[in-house]
Amino acid sequence: MSRVWEVPVHDSTRVRDARIAAREACRDAGLDAARTAVAELVATELATNLLKHAGGGRMVVNLVAPPTDGAGMSVQLFSLDHGPGIADVGAALGDGWSTAEGSLGAGLGSCLRSANAFHLYSLPGRGTVAAARIDAAADRRGTSAPPVPAGGITVSLGQAEQCGDAWSWVRSGSLLTLLLADGLGHGAKAAHASSAAMAELRHCAHLPPPDILRRLHTALRPTRGAAVAVAQVDTEHAELSFAGVGNAGARVRTEDSWTSLVSHPGIVGAYFPAQVPVRRVPWRPDSLLVVHSDGLPSRWKPPEDPRLIGHDPSVVAATILRDAGSPARPVRDDTSVAVLAPDRRTRTHDSRL
């Protein structure tokens, strides 16, 4: 999960680069030729759409855990822009609305039909965020893939291939655990640390957050260490537990208000605190959790648009990342944003905007 592809799309030559990025991500994820072709088509349509309707933007390609939280990887393609937005999302997702002459499909509608999950959020005057997930297998009998309660986006400093940030989620009985790790520094060694944290999570997701962090501390000792945040929802008791070590941040939304969840100083794998404070809050149907690395500017604003808050977590995360930066204010570090939402919030697409 440490490799990230980011393609600025400001002229037609970058459409090919977006397609190549999708192809390389599918290769790393082990997807077959048919699924790779789907990813290339979606990447082409999204990149072409950026040029034709938004005046440019950027494509980000990540590897993510599959919707069933099983083995293998899926490919997540993001399109982000600050363009004029889409006034009628329903029409844009329908047949006959094409991004440009000569494109491979039929615009955003082809993305919706081809991807395992496709989500679109657009606000007139503010821009558009699209997220498409390509799994190893196509949906069968016309049914959509299972909803995913967690989503996120990761970008590298300076568009580097190796990213020191990573996030993942795991179910264990009634527990749903979201982990975000920010490897110390940048590049391959930072990526090694965060990847080690992701691998260890699958062996300890049944434990409470402080014990997970202690297990990660042992697993990360051979690495340079990482800042780590662990959020765990007990779906049986409707409670969220949060614990973090290092400079990862988090905010939780309940009843239209946001509360900061603070991590404890230290480095998992190097300098572990004697005690790890745990914050517990109720987990309601209207709750939303945002966890992020310190690459996100400290003054980022949590989303308030109820239409965005009800979207798939991947779109919420990507919109937060987009709105926290701009070409004039590029990210100064590897950056990741992960979002956890109640299962009922997720959907394959949303055409209400």
Protein backbone atom coordinates (compact mmCIF):
# COMPACT_ATOMS: atom_id res chain seq x y z
CA MET A 1 0.00 0.00 0.00
CA SER A 2 3.03 2.28 0.17
CA ARG A 3 3.11 3.17 -3.51
CA VAL A 4 1.11 6.18 -4.65
CA TRP A 5 0.50 7.56 -8.13
CA GLU A 6 -0.35 11.24 -8.51
CA VAL A 7 -0.83 12.81 -11.94
CA PRO A 8 -1.48 16.54 -12.41
CA VAL A 9 -3.86 16.81 -15.36
CA HIS A 10 -3.56 20.17 -17.11
CA ASP A 11 -3.14 19.16 -20.76
CA SER A 12 -4.10 16.26 -22.98
CA THR A 13 -0.74 14.52 -22.67
CA ARG A 14 -1.46 13.77 -19.01
CA VAL A 15 -4.49 11.65 -19.87
CA ARG A 16 -2.08 8.97 -21.06
CA ASP A 17 -0.11 9.34 -17.82
CA ALA A 18 -3.27 8.77 -15.80
CA ARG A 19 -4.00 5.64 -17.81
CA ILE A 20 -0.46 4.34 -17.27
CA ALA A 21 -0.74 5.01 -13.53
CA ALA A 22 -3.93 2.93 -13.40
CA ARG A 23 -2.23 0.14 -15.32
CA GLU A 24 0.77 0.08 -13.01
CA ALA A 25 -1.45 0.07 -9.93
CA CYS A 26 -3.39 -2.91 -11.30
CA ARG A 27 -0.14 -4.72 -11.91
CA ASP A 28 0.98 -4.12 -8.32
CA ALA A 29 -2.43 -5.21 -7.03
CA GLY A 30 -2.32 -8.39 -9.12
CA LEU A 31 -5.46 -7.62 -11.14
CA ASP A 32 -5.97 -9.49 -14.40
CA ALA A 33 -6.10 -8.02 -17.89
CA ALA A 34 -9.88 -7.54 -17.88
CA ARG A 35 -9.92 -5.60 -14.61
CA THR A 36 -6.88 -3.61 -15.74
CA ALA A 37 -8.72 -2.59 -18.88
CA VAL A 38 -11.59 -1.35 -16.73
CA ALA A 39 -9.22 0.69 -14.58
CA GLU A 40 -7.61 2.22 -17.66
CA LEU A 41 -10.99 3.17 -19.09
CA VAL A 42 -12.09 4.81 -15.83
CA ALA A 43 -8.80 6.67 -15.50
CA THR A 44 -9.11 7.93 -19.07
CA GLU A 45 -12.66 9.16 -18.55
CA LEU A 46 -11.89 10.90 -15.27
CA ALA A 47 -8.76 12.58 -16.63
CA THR A 48 -10.56 13.69 -19.79
CA ASN A 49 -13.39 15.03 -17.67
CA LEU A 50 -10.90 17.11 -15.67
CA LEU A 51 -9.68 18.81 -18.83
CA LYS A 52 -13.01 19.35 -20.52
CA HIS A 53 -15.16 20.45 -17.60
CA ALA A 54 -12.87 21.58 -14.78
CA GLY A 55 -9.95 23.23 -16.57
CA GLY A 56 -7.62 20.65 -15.02
CA GLY A 57 -7.08 18.96 -11.71
CA ARG A 58 -5.27 15.89 -10.47
CA MET A 59 -5.62 12.14 -10.45
CA VAL A 60 -4.52 10.10 -7.45
CA VAL A 61 -4.27 6.31 -7.55
CA ASN A 62 -3.99 4.24 -4.36
CA LEU A 63 -3.97 0.56 -3.48
CA VAL A 64 -6.61 -0.25 -0.85
CA ALA A 65 -7.96 -3.24 1.04
CA PRO A 66 -10.82 -5.02 -0.77
CA PRO A 67 -14.40 -4.42 0.41
CA THR A 68 -14.62 -7.81 2.13
CA ASP A 69 -11.46 -7.10 4.12
CA GLY A 70 -9.93 -10.22 2.64
CA ALA A 71 -6.73 -11.07 0.81
CA GLY A 72 -5.46 -9.15 -2.18
CA MET A 73 -5.79 -5.48 -3.07
CA SER A 74 -8.12 -3.20 -4.95
CA VAL A 75 -7.24 -0.11 -6.98
CA GLN A 76 -8.79 3.22 -5.99
CA LEU A 77 -8.79 6.07 -8.52
CA PHE A 78 -9.51 9.63 -7.41
CA SER A 79 -10.22 12.71 -9.50
CA LEU A 80 -10.00 16.06 -7.69
CA ASP A 81 -10.62 19.54 -9.03
CA HIS A 82 -11.52 23.08 -8.00
CA GLY A 83 -13.55 23.67 -11.15
CA PRO A 84 -17.08 25.01 -11.63
CA GLY A 85 -18.70 21.82 -10.36
CA ILE A 86 -21.58 19.83 -11.84
CA ALA A 87 -25.04 21.32 -11.58
CA ASP A 88 -26.88 18.06 -12.31
CA VAL A 89 -24.97 15.00 -11.09
CA GLY A 90 -27.81 12.67 -12.06
CA ALA A 91 -27.60 13.79 -15.68
CA ALA A 92 -23.81 13.53 -15.66
CA LEU A 93 -24.06 9.90 -14.54
CA GLY A 94 -26.61 9.04 -17.22
CA ASP A 95 -26.08 7.78 -20.73
CA GLY A 96 -25.37 10.34 -23.42
CA TRP A 97 -23.33 12.67 -21.22
CA SER A 98 -19.83 12.23 -22.59
CA THR A 99 -16.65 13.82 -21.31
CA ALA A 100 -15.21 14.50 -24.75
CA GLU A 101 -15.16 13.31 -28.31
CA GLY A 102 -12.85 10.37 -28.79
CA SER A 103 -13.00 9.17 -25.16
CA LEU A 104 -13.07 5.43 -24.57
CA GLY A 105 -16.45 5.22 -22.84
CA ALA A 106 -19.51 7.34 -22.34
CA GLY A 107 -18.37 9.77 -19.70
CA LEU A 108 -19.02 9.41 -16.01
CA GLY A 109 -21.81 6.94 -16.68
CA SER A 110 -19.25 4.47 -18.01
CA CYS A 111 -17.29 4.84 -14.77
CA LEU A 112 -20.44 4.07 -12.78
CA ARG A 113 -21.17 0.98 -14.87
CA SER A 114 -17.60 -0.32 -15.04
CA ALA A 115 -16.15 0.21 -11.56
CA ASN A 116 -17.07 -1.98 -8.60
CA ALA A 117 -17.95 1.21 -6.74
CA PHE A 118 -18.15 4.77 -8.04
CA HIS A 119 -18.86 7.88 -5.97
CA LEU A 120 -19.23 11.47 -7.07
CA TYR A 121 -19.54 14.65 -5.03
CA SER A 122 -19.85 18.00 -6.73
CA LEU A 123 -20.73 21.46 -5.50
CA PRO A 124 -21.28 24.28 -8.01
CA GLY A 125 -18.52 26.83 -7.66
CA ARG A 126 -16.37 24.55 -5.50
CA GLY A 127 -15.42 21.65 -7.76
CA THR A 128 -15.83 17.91 -8.00
CA VAL A 129 -14.39 14.81 -6.35
CA ALA A 130 -14.83 11.36 -7.87
CA ALA A 131 -13.68 8.02 -6.50
CA ALA A 132 -13.74 4.72 -8.36
CA ARG A 133 -12.72 1.35 -6.91
CA ILE A 134 -11.65 -1.56 -9.11
CA ASP A 135 -11.67 -4.95 -7.39
CA ALA A 136 -10.10 -8.20 -8.54
CA ALA A 137 -13.49 -9.52 -9.69
CA ALA A 138 -16.36 -7.80 -11.45
CA ASP A 139 -19.70 -7.59 -9.67
CA ARG A 140 -21.80 -10.66 -10.41
CA ARG A 141 -25.47 -10.78 -11.44
CA GLY A 142 -25.64 -7.01 -11.37
CA THR A 143 -25.20 -6.75 -7.58
CA SER A 144 -22.88 -4.13 -6.15
CA ALA A 145 -19.94 -4.95 -3.91
CA PRO A 146 -20.51 -4.90 -0.14
CA PRO A 147 -20.51 -1.40 1.38
CA VAL A 148 -17.27 -0.29 2.97
CA PRO A 149 -17.50 1.66 6.25
CA ALA A 150 -14.00 3.13 5.90
CA GLY A 151 -12.26 5.04 3.14
CA GLY A 152 -9.19 7.17 2.69
CA ILE A 153 -6.69 8.79 0.39
CA THR A 154 -2.90 9.02 0.51
CA VAL A 155 -0.55 11.32 -1.39
CA SER A 156 3.24 11.55 -1.31
CA LEU A 157 5.46 14.54 -0.78
CA GLY A 158 6.63 15.80 -4.16
CA GLN A 159 4.62 13.08 -5.98
CA ALA A 160 7.18 10.48 -4.89
CA GLU A 161 6.33 6.86 -5.64
CA GLN A 162 6.95 5.62 -2.09
CA CYS A 163 4.74 7.10 0.61
CA GLY A 164 5.45 6.94 4.33
CA ASP A 165 1.74 7.14 5.20
CA ALA A 166 -0.70 4.25 5.13
CA TRP A 167 -4.14 3.36 6.46
CA SER A 168 -6.25 0.25 6.69
CA TRP A 169 -9.26 -1.25 8.45
CA VAL A 170 -10.15 -4.67 9.81
CA ARG A 171 -13.24 -6.33 11.25
CA SER A 172 -13.02 -8.70 14.22
CA GLY A 173 -16.41 -9.80 15.45
CA SER A 174 -18.31 -6.71 16.59
CA LEU A 175 -15.13 -4.60 16.43
CA LEU A 176 -14.23 -2.47 13.43
CA THR A 177 -10.70 -1.04 13.69
CA LEU A 178 -9.24 1.78 11.59
CA LEU A 179 -5.47 2.27 11.64
CA LEU A 180 -3.45 5.18 10.26
CA ALA A 181 0.36 5.17 10.36
CA ASP A 182 2.83 7.90 9.41
CA GLY A 183 6.31 6.45 9.06
CA LEU A 184 9.06 8.69 10.38
CA GLY A 185 10.52 10.76 7.55
CA HIS A 186 9.86 10.02 3.89
CA GLY A 187 10.65 7.48 1.21
CA ALA A 188 11.21 3.74 1.32
CA LYS A 189 12.18 3.46 5.00
CA ALA A 190 9.14 5.43 6.13
CA ALA A 191 6.99 3.28 3.86
CA HIS A 192 8.52 0.15 5.39
CA ALA A 193 7.48 1.29 8.87
CA SER A 194 3.89 2.10 7.95
CA SER A 195 3.54 -1.10 5.92
CA ALA A 196 4.74 -3.13 8.90
CA ALA A 197 2.00 -1.52 11.00
CA MET A 198 -0.66 -2.46 8.44
CA ALA A 199 0.56 -6.06 8.34
CA GLU A 200 0.51 -6.42 12.12
CA LEU A 201 -3.01 -5.01 12.46
CA ARG A 202 -4.52 -8.17 11.02
CA HIS A 203 -3.06 -10.18 13.90
CA CYS A 204 -4.27 -7.94 16.72
CA ALA A 205 -7.53 -6.28 15.64
CA HIS A 206 -9.38 -8.17 18.39
CA LEU A 207 -7.48 -6.18 21.04
CA PRO A 208 -8.38 -2.73 22.45
CA PRO A 209 -6.52 0.27 20.92
CA PRO A 210 -3.81 0.61 23.63
CA ASP A 211 -2.90 -3.07 23.30
CA ILE A 212 -2.87 -2.77 19.51
CA LEU A 213 -0.40 0.09 19.83
CA ARG A 214 1.82 -1.97 22.14
CA ARG A 215 1.81 -4.83 19.64
CA LEU A 216 2.68 -2.40 16.89
CA HIS A 217 5.50 -0.98 19.00
CA THR A 218 7.12 -4.42 19.10
CA ALA A 219 6.51 -5.05 15.39
CA LEU A 220 7.98 -1.67 14.38
CA ARG A 221 11.16 -1.87 16.45
CA PRO A 222 13.22 -3.06 13.44
CA THR A 223 11.97 0.00 11.50
CA ARG A 224 12.48 3.72 12.01
CA GLY A 225 9.08 3.92 13.73
CA ALA A 226 5.85 5.74 13.05
CA ALA A 227 3.13 7.93 14.44
CA VAL A 228 0.06 5.71 14.75
CA ALA A 229 -3.61 6.36 15.44
CA VAL A 230 -6.07 3.56 16.22
CA ALA A 231 -9.84 4.06 16.16
CA GLN A 232 -12.09 1.15 17.05
CA VAL A 233 -15.87 0.98 16.89
CA ASP A 234 -17.67 -1.59 19.02
CA THR A 235 -20.80 -1.98 16.94
CA GLU A 236 -22.53 -4.05 19.63
CA HIS A 237 -22.20 -1.32 22.27
CA ALA A 238 -22.21 1.67 19.87
CA GLU A 239 -18.97 3.10 21.21
CA LEU A 240 -15.85 4.54 19.58
CA SER A 241 -12.48 4.15 21.28
CA PHE A 242 -9.49 6.18 20.10
CA ALA A 243 -5.82 6.07 21.05
CA GLY A 244 -2.80 7.48 19.26
CA VAL A 245 0.94 7.83 19.71
CA GLY A 246 2.70 10.54 17.75
CA ASN A 247 1.39 13.47 15.75
CA ALA A 248 -1.57 11.87 14.00
CA GLY A 249 -4.79 13.84 14.43
CA ALA A 250 -8.47 12.95 14.59
CA ARG A 251 -11.88 14.56 14.90
CA VAL A 252 -15.23 12.92 15.49
CA ARG A 253 -18.62 14.38 14.56
CA THR A 254 -21.67 13.74 16.71
CA GLU A 255 -24.93 15.66 16.58
CA ASP A 256 -23.57 18.35 14.23
CA SER A 257 -20.53 19.18 16.36
CA TRP A 258 -16.89 18.16 15.98
CA THR A 259 -14.58 17.05 18.80
CA SER A 260 -10.80 16.70 18.55
CA LEU A 261 -9.24 13.41 19.66
CA VAL A 262 -5.67 13.94 20.82
CA SER A 263 -2.75 11.52 20.40
CA HIS A 264 -0.05 11.07 23.05
CA PRO A 265 3.56 12.13 22.32
CA GLY A 266 5.93 9.37 21.24
CA ILE A 267 7.00 7.17 18.33
CA VAL A 268 5.65 3.66 17.91
CA GLY A 269 8.66 1.42 17.49
CA ALA A 270 11.08 3.84 19.19
CA TYR A 271 9.72 5.91 22.10
CA PHE A 272 6.57 4.41 23.56
CA PRO A 273 4.78 6.17 26.45
CA ALA A 274 4.28 4.41 29.78
CA GLN A 275 0.54 5.02 29.54
CA VAL A 276 -1.65 5.43 26.47
CA PRO A 277 -4.79 7.49 27.14
CA VAL A 278 -7.98 6.23 25.53
CA ARG A 279 -10.86 8.48 24.50
CA ARG A 280 -14.29 6.89 24.34
CA VAL A 281 -17.33 8.52 22.79
CA PRO A 282 -20.75 7.26 21.70
CA TRP A 283 -20.94 6.01 18.12
CA ARG A 284 -24.24 7.11 16.65
CA PRO A 285 -25.89 6.68 13.23
CA ASP A 286 -24.92 10.30 12.48
CA SER A 287 -21.30 9.97 13.66
CA LEU A 288 -18.29 10.47 11.42
CA LEU A 289 -14.61 10.05 12.26
CA VAL A 290 -11.72 11.71 10.40
CA VAL A 291 -8.15 10.58 11.13
CA HIS A 292 -5.18 12.18 9.40
CA SER A 293 -1.41 12.45 9.38
CA ASP A 294 0.39 15.72 10.09
CA GLY A 295 0.70 16.37 6.37
CA LEU A 296 -2.80 17.81 6.52
CA PRO A 297 -2.64 21.53 7.42
CA SER A 298 -3.52 22.10 11.07
CA ARG A 299 -6.27 24.56 10.16
CA TRP A 300 -8.21 22.17 7.96
CA LYS A 301 -11.96 22.57 8.22
CA PRO A 302 -14.16 19.54 8.85
CA PRO A 303 -16.96 19.07 6.32
CA GLU A 304 -20.26 20.67 7.16
CA ASP A 305 -22.24 20.07 3.96
CA PRO A 306 -24.76 17.36 4.95
CA ARG A 307 -24.68 16.07 1.39
CA LEU A 308 -20.95 15.42 1.66
CA ILE A 309 -21.15 13.93 5.16
CA GLY A 310 -23.62 11.35 3.86
CA HIS A 311 -21.31 10.27 1.05
CA ASP A 312 -18.96 7.32 0.89
CA PRO A 313 -15.99 7.71 3.28
CA SER A 314 -13.50 7.70 0.40
CA VAL A 315 -15.12 10.79 -1.11
CA VAL A 316 -15.27 12.55 2.24
CA ALA A 317 -11.55 11.89 2.79
CA ALA A 318 -10.60 13.05 -0.71
CA THR A 319 -12.68 16.23 -0.39
CA ILE A 320 -11.02 17.10 2.92
CA LEU A 321 -7.61 16.60 1.32
CA ARG A 322 -8.53 18.67 -1.73
CA ASP A 323 -9.96 21.56 0.26
CA ALA A 324 -6.99 21.69 2.64
CA GLY A 325 -4.54 22.50 -0.15
CA SER A 326 -4.19 24.16 -3.53
CA PRO A 327 -1.54 24.58 -6.24
CA ALA A 328 -0.41 27.70 -4.38
CA ARG A 329 -0.30 25.77 -1.12
CA PRO A 330 1.02 22.28 -1.92
CA VAL A 331 1.38 19.61 0.73
CA ARG A 332 4.68 19.71 2.63
CA ASP A 333 4.69 16.11 3.75
CA ASP A 334 3.27 12.71 2.93
CA THR A 335 -0.42 13.09 3.68
CA SER A 336 -3.19 10.65 4.42
CA VAL A 337 -6.80 11.14 5.45
CA ALA A 338 -9.01 8.23 6.52
CA VAL A 339 -12.70 8.36 7.36
CA LEU A 340 -14.89 5.96 9.31
CA ALA A 341 -18.67 6.08 9.02
CA PRO A 342 -21.60 3.88 10.06
CA ASP A 343 -22.24 1.16 7.49
CA ARG A 344 -25.59 2.61 6.45
CA ARG A 345 -23.87 5.73 5.07
CA THR A 346 -22.09 3.92 2.28
CA ARG A 347 -23.52 3.49 -1.19
CA THR A 348 -22.27 2.75 -4.68
CA HIS A 349 -23.08 6.26 -5.87
CA ASP A 350 -25.09 9.27 -4.87
CA SER A 351 -27.00 11.29 -7.41
CA ARG A 352 -28.71 13.68 -5.00
CA LEU A 353 -26.43 16.64 -5.80
